[in-house]
Every structure is written in structure tokens, then in C-alpha cells.
Amino acid sequence: MSAFDAEYEPSPWEPIALEIERYERSNGTEPSELVGDQWMVLWTLGAKSGKVRKTPLVRVTDGEGRYAVIGSMGGAPSHPQWVHNIRANPVARIQDGAGRHDLSVREVDGDEKATWWARAMTVWPDYDNYQAATDRTIPLFVLEPTD
């Protein structure tokens, strides 16, 4: 049994809930209105509720089964809610197309963050602008297979 068998609670913010419906209906073949055509869905467990939360994010991968998720929220002054969830419960599921992958999570910095950040910039060039727009350090998490 997976932790992600828990009850799913859709985002209270309708644009996110609708994007998740779009992704699940099309297995990600329809472009996202929020994050473009290279996207995936991050599943986390609510820090307080323990319920499954789903967030559409830019698809950043190394092509070897590892992914990165970046808590940019467009350069907003606070972290997106999923950052709090993933720090409290460092496990995640990525829905990439029709595939679903349960992964462990590590927050990274230094050279490893720089490598993943550069990879992310090739998919979504605004990440540097987002970092410049906020005083907080935008967190980056690497998700990798547990086996």
C-alpha cells in the first residue's frame, strides 16, 4: 500500500483543480494554461491533513528517472503550499504522461542545485526572473527512485 492511496483533496484554487483535471483527462497531452506544454503533476501529502494534494508543475527531468521540482510560485514572496507539504513528508509521486512514479525527495543546494537549475532553465527560462523578483531563496528538490 502506498501513502498516495490516501484521500485526494483537490486544490481550493479552481485554476489548479482544473489543470489537474485537464492533465488526468489527457495524460498531459493537452498543454497547461499555467505551465505550458512541458508539464507534470506533483503529488504530495498534506503536512497537516495527510491527504493527497496535486500540483501542476514544469516538467524537469534528467531522463534517467530523476525529476526536480522548484518552489518558485512565479517569484511570490512566500513558498507554494506544496513546499511545506514535501518538507513535512519527503515523499512524492510524479505523474508524467500516463506513468506514475513514487519517489524520495531531497532539498538540494550548491552545485547540485545549480546543475538542476540550469536544466530547468532550458524548459522554463523565467526561473531566474522569479528568483530576482523575491527576497526568499527559491527551493529546489530532487526526486529520485527509492530502489
N, C-alpha and C. Protein backbone atom coordinates (compact mmCIF):
# COMPACT_ATOMS: atom_id res chain seq x y z
N MET A 1 0.84 -1.18 0.00
CA MET A 1 0.00 0.00 0.00
C MET A 1 0.89 1.25 0.00
N SER A 2 0.53 2.21 -0.81
CA SER A 2 1.29 3.45 -0.94
C SER A 2 0.66 4.55 -0.08
N ALA A 3 1.49 5.45 0.37
CA ALA A 3 0.99 6.63 1.09
C ALA A 3 0.04 7.42 0.20
N PHE A 4 0.18 7.26 -1.10
CA PHE A 4 -0.64 8.02 -2.04
C PHE A 4 -1.99 7.38 -2.31
N ASP A 5 -2.30 6.32 -1.56
CA ASP A 5 -3.65 5.76 -1.58
C ASP A 5 -4.58 6.56 -0.68
N ALA A 6 -4.03 7.56 0.02
CA ALA A 6 -4.83 8.42 0.89
C ALA A 6 -5.85 9.19 0.06
N GLU A 7 -6.81 9.77 0.74
CA GLU A 7 -7.85 10.55 0.07
C GLU A 7 -7.24 11.76 -0.65
N TYR A 8 -7.73 12.01 -1.85
CA TYR A 8 -7.29 13.17 -2.64
C TYR A 8 -8.21 14.34 -2.33
N GLU A 9 -7.59 15.49 -2.05
CA GLU A 9 -8.36 16.71 -1.84
C GLU A 9 -7.93 17.72 -2.90
N PRO A 10 -8.83 18.03 -3.85
CA PRO A 10 -8.49 18.99 -4.90
C PRO A 10 -8.12 20.36 -4.33
N SER A 11 -7.33 21.09 -5.06
CA SER A 11 -6.94 22.43 -4.65
C SER A 11 -8.17 23.31 -4.49
N PRO A 12 -8.19 24.12 -3.44
CA PRO A 12 -9.30 25.06 -3.30
C PRO A 12 -9.23 26.20 -4.33
N TRP A 13 -8.05 26.35 -4.97
CA TRP A 13 -7.92 27.37 -6.00
C TRP A 13 -8.32 26.73 -7.34
N GLU A 14 -9.43 27.16 -7.88
CA GLU A 14 -10.03 26.49 -9.05
C GLU A 14 -9.08 26.33 -10.24
N PRO A 15 -8.26 27.32 -10.60
CA PRO A 15 -7.36 27.10 -11.76
C PRO A 15 -6.46 25.87 -11.59
N ILE A 16 -5.99 25.60 -10.38
CA ILE A 16 -5.15 24.43 -10.15
C ILE A 16 -5.98 23.16 -10.29
N ALA A 17 -7.15 23.14 -9.67
CA ALA A 17 -8.03 21.96 -9.75
C ALA A 17 -8.37 21.65 -11.21
N LEU A 18 -8.64 22.68 -12.00
CA LEU A 18 -8.97 22.47 -13.41
C LEU A 18 -7.78 21.96 -14.21
N GLU A 19 -6.58 22.45 -13.89
CA GLU A 19 -5.39 21.95 -14.57
C GLU A 19 -5.16 20.47 -14.28
N ILE A 20 -5.40 20.06 -13.04
CA ILE A 20 -5.24 18.65 -12.68
C ILE A 20 -6.25 17.81 -13.46
N GLU A 21 -7.48 18.28 -13.55
CA GLU A 21 -8.49 17.56 -14.35
C GLU A 21 -8.05 17.44 -15.80
N ARG A 22 -7.51 18.52 -16.36
CA ARG A 22 -7.04 18.52 -17.75
C ARG A 22 -5.93 17.48 -17.92
N TYR A 23 -4.98 17.47 -16.99
CA TYR A 23 -3.86 16.53 -17.09
C TYR A 23 -4.35 15.09 -17.03
N GLU A 24 -5.19 14.80 -16.06
CA GLU A 24 -5.65 13.42 -15.87
C GLU A 24 -6.53 12.97 -17.03
N ARG A 25 -7.28 13.88 -17.61
CA ARG A 25 -8.13 13.55 -18.76
C ARG A 25 -7.28 13.23 -20.00
N SER A 26 -6.17 13.96 -20.16
CA SER A 26 -5.38 13.84 -21.39
C SER A 26 -4.03 13.16 -21.20
N ASN A 27 -3.72 12.71 -19.96
CA ASN A 27 -2.38 12.20 -19.64
C ASN A 27 -1.29 13.20 -20.01
N GLY A 28 -1.62 14.47 -19.84
CA GLY A 28 -0.64 15.53 -20.05
C GLY A 28 -0.41 15.91 -21.49
N THR A 29 -1.23 15.40 -22.42
CA THR A 29 -1.02 15.74 -23.83
C THR A 29 -1.60 17.10 -24.18
N GLU A 30 -2.56 17.60 -23.39
CA GLU A 30 -3.08 18.95 -23.60
C GLU A 30 -2.19 19.92 -22.85
N PRO A 31 -1.79 21.02 -23.46
CA PRO A 31 -0.93 21.98 -22.76
C PRO A 31 -1.61 22.58 -21.53
N SER A 32 -0.82 22.89 -20.55
CA SER A 32 -1.30 23.57 -19.35
C SER A 32 -1.46 25.05 -19.64
N GLU A 33 -2.51 25.66 -19.11
CA GLU A 33 -2.66 27.10 -19.24
C GLU A 33 -1.72 27.83 -18.29
N LEU A 34 -1.21 27.13 -17.27
CA LEU A 34 -0.36 27.77 -16.27
C LEU A 34 1.13 27.50 -16.50
N VAL A 35 1.48 26.29 -16.93
CA VAL A 35 2.90 25.93 -17.02
C VAL A 35 3.34 25.40 -18.38
N GLY A 36 2.55 25.64 -19.43
CA GLY A 36 2.98 25.30 -20.78
C GLY A 36 2.79 23.85 -21.16
N ASP A 37 3.51 23.42 -22.18
CA ASP A 37 3.29 22.06 -22.71
C ASP A 37 4.25 21.02 -22.14
N GLN A 38 5.29 21.45 -21.45
CA GLN A 38 6.21 20.51 -20.78
C GLN A 38 5.84 20.49 -19.30
N TRP A 39 4.89 19.63 -18.95
CA TRP A 39 4.41 19.66 -17.58
C TRP A 39 4.16 18.29 -17.03
N MET A 40 3.99 18.25 -15.71
CA MET A 40 3.75 17.01 -14.99
C MET A 40 2.93 17.37 -13.75
N VAL A 41 2.51 16.36 -13.03
CA VAL A 41 1.75 16.61 -11.80
C VAL A 41 2.55 16.05 -10.63
N LEU A 42 2.76 16.91 -9.64
CA LEU A 42 3.40 16.53 -8.39
C LEU A 42 2.33 16.17 -7.38
N TRP A 43 2.44 14.96 -6.81
CA TRP A 43 1.56 14.53 -5.72
C TRP A 43 2.35 14.65 -4.43
N THR A 44 1.77 15.31 -3.44
CA THR A 44 2.37 15.38 -2.11
C THR A 44 1.30 14.99 -1.10
N LEU A 45 1.73 14.82 0.14
CA LEU A 45 0.80 14.56 1.23
C LEU A 45 0.71 15.81 2.08
N GLY A 46 -0.51 16.25 2.35
CA GLY A 46 -0.72 17.45 3.15
C GLY A 46 0.00 17.37 4.48
N ALA A 47 0.73 18.42 4.83
CA ALA A 47 1.51 18.44 6.08
C ALA A 47 0.61 18.26 7.30
N LYS A 48 -0.57 18.83 7.25
CA LYS A 48 -1.50 18.72 8.38
C LYS A 48 -2.56 17.66 8.15
N SER A 49 -3.13 17.64 6.94
CA SER A 49 -4.27 16.76 6.66
C SER A 49 -3.88 15.32 6.34
N GLY A 50 -2.67 15.12 5.79
CA GLY A 50 -2.27 13.80 5.32
C GLY A 50 -2.94 13.40 4.03
N LYS A 51 -3.76 14.29 3.45
CA LYS A 51 -4.46 13.99 2.21
C LYS A 51 -3.55 14.23 1.01
N VAL A 52 -3.84 13.54 -0.07
CA VAL A 52 -3.10 13.72 -1.31
C VAL A 52 -3.43 15.09 -1.90
N ARG A 53 -2.39 15.81 -2.25
CA ARG A 53 -2.51 17.11 -2.94
C ARG A 53 -1.80 16.97 -4.27
N LYS A 54 -2.35 17.58 -5.31
CA LYS A 54 -1.76 17.50 -6.65
C LYS A 54 -1.52 18.91 -7.18
N THR A 55 -0.34 19.10 -7.78
CA THR A 55 0.06 20.40 -8.27
C THR A 55 0.66 20.25 -9.67
N PRO A 56 0.17 21.03 -10.65
CA PRO A 56 0.80 21.02 -11.97
C PRO A 56 2.10 21.83 -11.92
N LEU A 57 3.17 21.23 -12.44
CA LEU A 57 4.47 21.90 -12.43
C LEU A 57 5.18 21.69 -13.76
N VAL A 58 6.15 22.55 -14.02
CA VAL A 58 7.00 22.38 -15.20
C VAL A 58 7.75 21.05 -15.07
N ARG A 59 7.81 20.31 -16.17
CA ARG A 59 8.48 19.00 -16.19
C ARG A 59 9.99 19.21 -16.34
N VAL A 60 10.72 18.88 -15.27
CA VAL A 60 12.18 18.97 -15.28
C VAL A 60 12.69 17.59 -14.91
N THR A 61 13.41 16.97 -15.83
CA THR A 61 13.93 15.62 -15.59
C THR A 61 15.31 15.47 -16.20
N ASP A 62 16.06 14.50 -15.69
CA ASP A 62 17.37 14.22 -16.28
C ASP A 62 17.30 13.08 -17.28
N GLY A 63 16.08 12.55 -17.52
CA GLY A 63 15.92 11.45 -18.46
C GLY A 63 16.35 10.11 -17.91
N GLU A 64 16.77 10.07 -16.63
CA GLU A 64 17.23 8.83 -16.01
C GLU A 64 16.38 8.46 -14.79
N GLY A 65 15.13 8.97 -14.78
CA GLY A 65 14.22 8.63 -13.69
C GLY A 65 14.19 9.61 -12.54
N ARG A 66 15.00 10.66 -12.63
CA ARG A 66 15.00 11.69 -11.58
C ARG A 66 14.32 12.95 -12.10
N TYR A 67 13.70 13.66 -11.18
CA TYR A 67 12.99 14.89 -11.51
C TYR A 67 13.41 15.98 -10.54
N ALA A 68 13.16 17.22 -10.92
CA ALA A 68 13.32 18.34 -9.99
C ALA A 68 12.01 19.11 -9.95
N VAL A 69 11.69 19.59 -8.76
CA VAL A 69 10.55 20.48 -8.60
C VAL A 69 11.06 21.74 -7.92
N ILE A 70 10.58 22.88 -8.40
CA ILE A 70 11.11 24.18 -7.99
C ILE A 70 9.98 25.00 -7.39
N GLY A 71 10.18 25.43 -6.16
CA GLY A 71 9.14 26.17 -5.43
C GLY A 71 9.15 27.64 -5.75
N SER A 72 8.97 27.99 -7.02
CA SER A 72 9.10 29.39 -7.44
C SER A 72 7.84 30.21 -7.19
N MET A 73 6.69 29.65 -7.43
CA MET A 73 5.42 30.37 -7.36
C MET A 73 5.53 31.72 -8.05
N GLY A 74 6.18 31.73 -9.21
CA GLY A 74 6.28 32.95 -10.01
C GLY A 74 7.03 34.08 -9.34
N GLY A 75 7.87 33.76 -8.35
CA GLY A 75 8.62 34.80 -7.66
C GLY A 75 7.84 35.45 -6.52
N ALA A 76 6.75 34.81 -6.10
CA ALA A 76 5.95 35.33 -4.98
C ALA A 76 6.80 35.39 -3.71
N PRO A 77 6.39 36.21 -2.74
CA PRO A 77 7.18 36.36 -1.51
C PRO A 77 7.14 35.15 -0.58
N SER A 78 6.23 34.21 -0.81
CA SER A 78 6.16 33.02 0.06
C SER A 78 6.22 31.76 -0.80
N HIS A 79 6.57 30.66 -0.14
CA HIS A 79 6.65 29.38 -0.83
C HIS A 79 5.26 28.87 -1.20
N PRO A 80 5.15 28.12 -2.28
CA PRO A 80 3.88 27.44 -2.55
C PRO A 80 3.60 26.41 -1.45
N GLN A 81 2.32 26.10 -1.26
CA GLN A 81 1.93 25.19 -0.18
C GLN A 81 2.62 23.83 -0.31
N TRP A 82 2.84 23.37 -1.53
CA TRP A 82 3.43 22.04 -1.69
C TRP A 82 4.84 21.96 -1.09
N VAL A 83 5.55 23.09 -1.00
CA VAL A 83 6.89 23.07 -0.39
C VAL A 83 6.77 22.67 1.08
N HIS A 84 5.79 23.23 1.78
CA HIS A 84 5.59 22.87 3.19
C HIS A 84 5.23 21.39 3.31
N ASN A 85 4.39 20.91 2.39
CA ASN A 85 3.99 19.51 2.41
C ASN A 85 5.18 18.58 2.20
N ILE A 86 6.00 18.90 1.23
CA ILE A 86 7.11 18.00 0.87
C ILE A 86 8.22 18.03 1.93
N ARG A 87 8.35 19.17 2.62
CA ARG A 87 9.32 19.22 3.72
C ARG A 87 8.83 18.40 4.91
N ALA A 88 7.52 18.41 5.15
CA ALA A 88 6.96 17.65 6.26
C ALA A 88 6.93 16.15 5.96
N ASN A 89 6.67 15.79 4.70
CA ASN A 89 6.58 14.40 4.26
C ASN A 89 7.43 14.26 3.00
N PRO A 90 8.72 13.94 3.13
CA PRO A 90 9.63 13.95 1.98
C PRO A 90 9.48 12.75 1.04
N VAL A 91 8.27 12.54 0.59
CA VAL A 91 7.98 11.56 -0.45
C VAL A 91 7.09 12.25 -1.47
N ALA A 92 7.13 11.77 -2.68
CA ALA A 92 6.32 12.39 -3.73
C ALA A 92 5.98 11.35 -4.79
N ARG A 93 4.96 11.66 -5.53
CA ARG A 93 4.62 10.89 -6.72
C ARG A 93 4.60 11.88 -7.88
N ILE A 94 5.22 11.49 -8.96
CA ILE A 94 5.16 12.29 -10.18
C ILE A 94 4.29 11.54 -11.17
N GLN A 95 3.34 12.25 -11.74
CA GLN A 95 2.55 11.73 -12.86
C GLN A 95 3.13 12.40 -14.10
N ASP A 96 3.80 11.60 -14.91
CA ASP A 96 4.49 12.08 -16.11
C ASP A 96 3.86 11.35 -17.29
N GLY A 97 3.00 12.04 -18.00
CA GLY A 97 2.20 11.37 -19.03
C GLY A 97 1.26 10.40 -18.34
N ALA A 98 1.19 9.17 -18.84
CA ALA A 98 0.33 8.16 -18.22
C ALA A 98 1.02 7.47 -17.05
N GLY A 99 2.34 7.67 -16.92
CA GLY A 99 3.10 6.98 -15.87
C GLY A 99 3.05 7.69 -14.54
N ARG A 100 3.10 6.90 -13.48
CA ARG A 100 3.17 7.44 -12.12
C ARG A 100 4.36 6.81 -11.42
N HIS A 101 5.15 7.65 -10.78
CA HIS A 101 6.39 7.21 -10.15
C HIS A 101 6.45 7.70 -8.71
N ASP A 102 6.59 6.80 -7.74
CA ASP A 102 6.78 7.17 -6.35
C ASP A 102 8.27 7.38 -6.11
N LEU A 103 8.61 8.53 -5.52
CA LEU A 103 10.00 8.95 -5.44
C LEU A 103 10.33 9.49 -4.05
N SER A 104 11.59 9.39 -3.68
CA SER A 104 12.06 10.04 -2.46
C SER A 104 12.44 11.48 -2.82
N VAL A 105 12.54 12.31 -1.81
CA VAL A 105 12.73 13.74 -2.03
C VAL A 105 13.92 14.23 -1.22
N ARG A 106 14.75 15.05 -1.86
CA ARG A 106 15.85 15.74 -1.17
C ARG A 106 15.86 17.19 -1.60
N GLU A 107 15.95 18.10 -0.65
CA GLU A 107 16.15 19.50 -0.98
C GLU A 107 17.64 19.68 -1.23
N VAL A 108 18.00 20.37 -2.30
CA VAL A 108 19.42 20.50 -2.67
C VAL A 108 19.83 21.96 -2.75
N ASP A 109 21.15 22.16 -2.65
CA ASP A 109 21.71 23.50 -2.82
C ASP A 109 23.09 23.35 -3.47
N GLY A 110 23.81 24.43 -3.52
CA GLY A 110 25.17 24.40 -4.06
C GLY A 110 25.23 23.96 -5.52
N ASP A 111 26.26 23.18 -5.84
CA ASP A 111 26.50 22.75 -7.22
C ASP A 111 25.36 21.89 -7.75
N GLU A 112 24.82 21.02 -6.90
CA GLU A 112 23.72 20.17 -7.37
C GLU A 112 22.51 21.01 -7.75
N LYS A 113 22.19 22.01 -6.93
CA LYS A 113 21.07 22.90 -7.26
C LYS A 113 21.37 23.64 -8.56
N ALA A 114 22.59 24.13 -8.71
CA ALA A 114 22.96 24.88 -9.92
C ALA A 114 22.80 24.02 -11.17
N THR A 115 23.18 22.76 -11.08
CA THR A 115 23.06 21.85 -12.23
C THR A 115 21.59 21.66 -12.61
N TRP A 116 20.75 21.39 -11.60
CA TRP A 116 19.32 21.20 -11.87
C TRP A 116 18.66 22.50 -12.31
N TRP A 117 19.08 23.62 -11.74
CA TRP A 117 18.51 24.91 -12.09
C TRP A 117 18.78 25.20 -13.58
N ALA A 118 20.00 24.94 -14.02
CA ALA A 118 20.34 25.14 -15.44
C ALA A 118 19.48 24.25 -16.33
N ARG A 119 19.26 23.02 -15.91
CA ARG A 119 18.41 22.09 -16.66
C ARG A 119 16.98 22.65 -16.72
N ALA A 120 16.51 23.16 -15.60
CA ALA A 120 15.15 23.72 -15.55
C ALA A 120 15.02 24.95 -16.44
N MET A 121 16.06 25.76 -16.51
CA MET A 121 16.01 26.98 -17.32
C MET A 121 15.85 26.67 -18.80
N THR A 122 16.30 25.50 -19.26
CA THR A 122 16.12 25.15 -20.67
C THR A 122 14.65 24.88 -20.98
N VAL A 123 13.88 24.50 -19.96
CA VAL A 123 12.45 24.21 -20.15
C VAL A 123 11.60 25.44 -19.84
N TRP A 124 12.00 26.19 -18.81
CA TRP A 124 11.21 27.34 -18.35
C TRP A 124 12.18 28.48 -18.02
N PRO A 125 12.51 29.32 -19.02
CA PRO A 125 13.55 30.35 -18.85
C PRO A 125 13.25 31.43 -17.82
N ASP A 126 12.04 31.50 -17.30
CA ASP A 126 11.70 32.56 -16.33
C ASP A 126 12.17 32.28 -14.91
N TYR A 127 12.74 31.11 -14.61
CA TYR A 127 13.14 30.83 -13.23
C TYR A 127 14.10 31.88 -12.67
N ASP A 128 15.06 32.35 -13.47
CA ASP A 128 15.97 33.39 -12.97
C ASP A 128 15.20 34.67 -12.64
N ASN A 129 14.22 35.02 -13.48
CA ASN A 129 13.40 36.21 -13.21
C ASN A 129 12.60 36.04 -11.92
N TYR A 130 12.10 34.84 -11.68
CA TYR A 130 11.35 34.58 -10.45
C TYR A 130 12.25 34.77 -9.23
N GLN A 131 13.49 34.25 -9.31
CA GLN A 131 14.39 34.39 -8.16
C GLN A 131 14.72 35.87 -7.94
N ALA A 132 14.91 36.62 -9.03
CA ALA A 132 15.22 38.04 -8.91
C ALA A 132 14.05 38.84 -8.33
N ALA A 133 12.84 38.33 -8.47
CA ALA A 133 11.64 39.05 -8.03
C ALA A 133 11.32 38.87 -6.55
N THR A 134 12.05 37.98 -5.87
CA THR A 134 11.73 37.71 -4.47
C THR A 134 12.98 37.74 -3.59
N ASP A 135 12.78 38.06 -2.32
CA ASP A 135 13.90 38.04 -1.37
C ASP A 135 14.19 36.64 -0.85
N ARG A 136 13.21 35.73 -0.97
CA ARG A 136 13.42 34.37 -0.45
C ARG A 136 14.27 33.57 -1.43
N THR A 137 14.96 32.58 -0.93
CA THR A 137 15.69 31.66 -1.79
C THR A 137 14.69 30.62 -2.27
N ILE A 138 14.52 30.52 -3.57
CA ILE A 138 13.58 29.55 -4.14
C ILE A 138 14.15 28.15 -3.94
N PRO A 139 13.39 27.27 -3.29
CA PRO A 139 13.89 25.92 -3.04
C PRO A 139 13.78 25.03 -4.27
N LEU A 140 14.73 24.10 -4.38
CA LEU A 140 14.71 23.10 -5.44
C LEU A 140 14.86 21.73 -4.78
N PHE A 141 14.01 20.81 -5.18
CA PHE A 141 14.00 19.46 -4.64
C PHE A 141 14.27 18.48 -5.77
N VAL A 142 15.12 17.49 -5.49
CA VAL A 142 15.36 16.41 -6.43
C VAL A 142 14.55 15.20 -5.95
N LEU A 143 13.83 14.62 -6.88
CA LEU A 143 13.01 13.44 -6.62
C LEU A 143 13.64 12.28 -7.37
N GLU A 144 13.87 11.18 -6.66
CA GLU A 144 14.54 10.06 -7.30
C GLU A 144 13.93 8.74 -6.85
N PRO A 145 14.06 7.73 -7.70
CA PRO A 145 13.51 6.40 -7.35
C PRO A 145 14.04 5.92 -6.01
N THR A 146 13.20 5.19 -5.29
CA THR A 146 13.59 4.73 -3.97
C THR A 146 14.33 3.40 -4.01
N ASP A 147 14.31 2.70 -5.14
CA ASP A 147 15.01 1.40 -5.19
C ASP A 147 16.41 1.51 -5.68
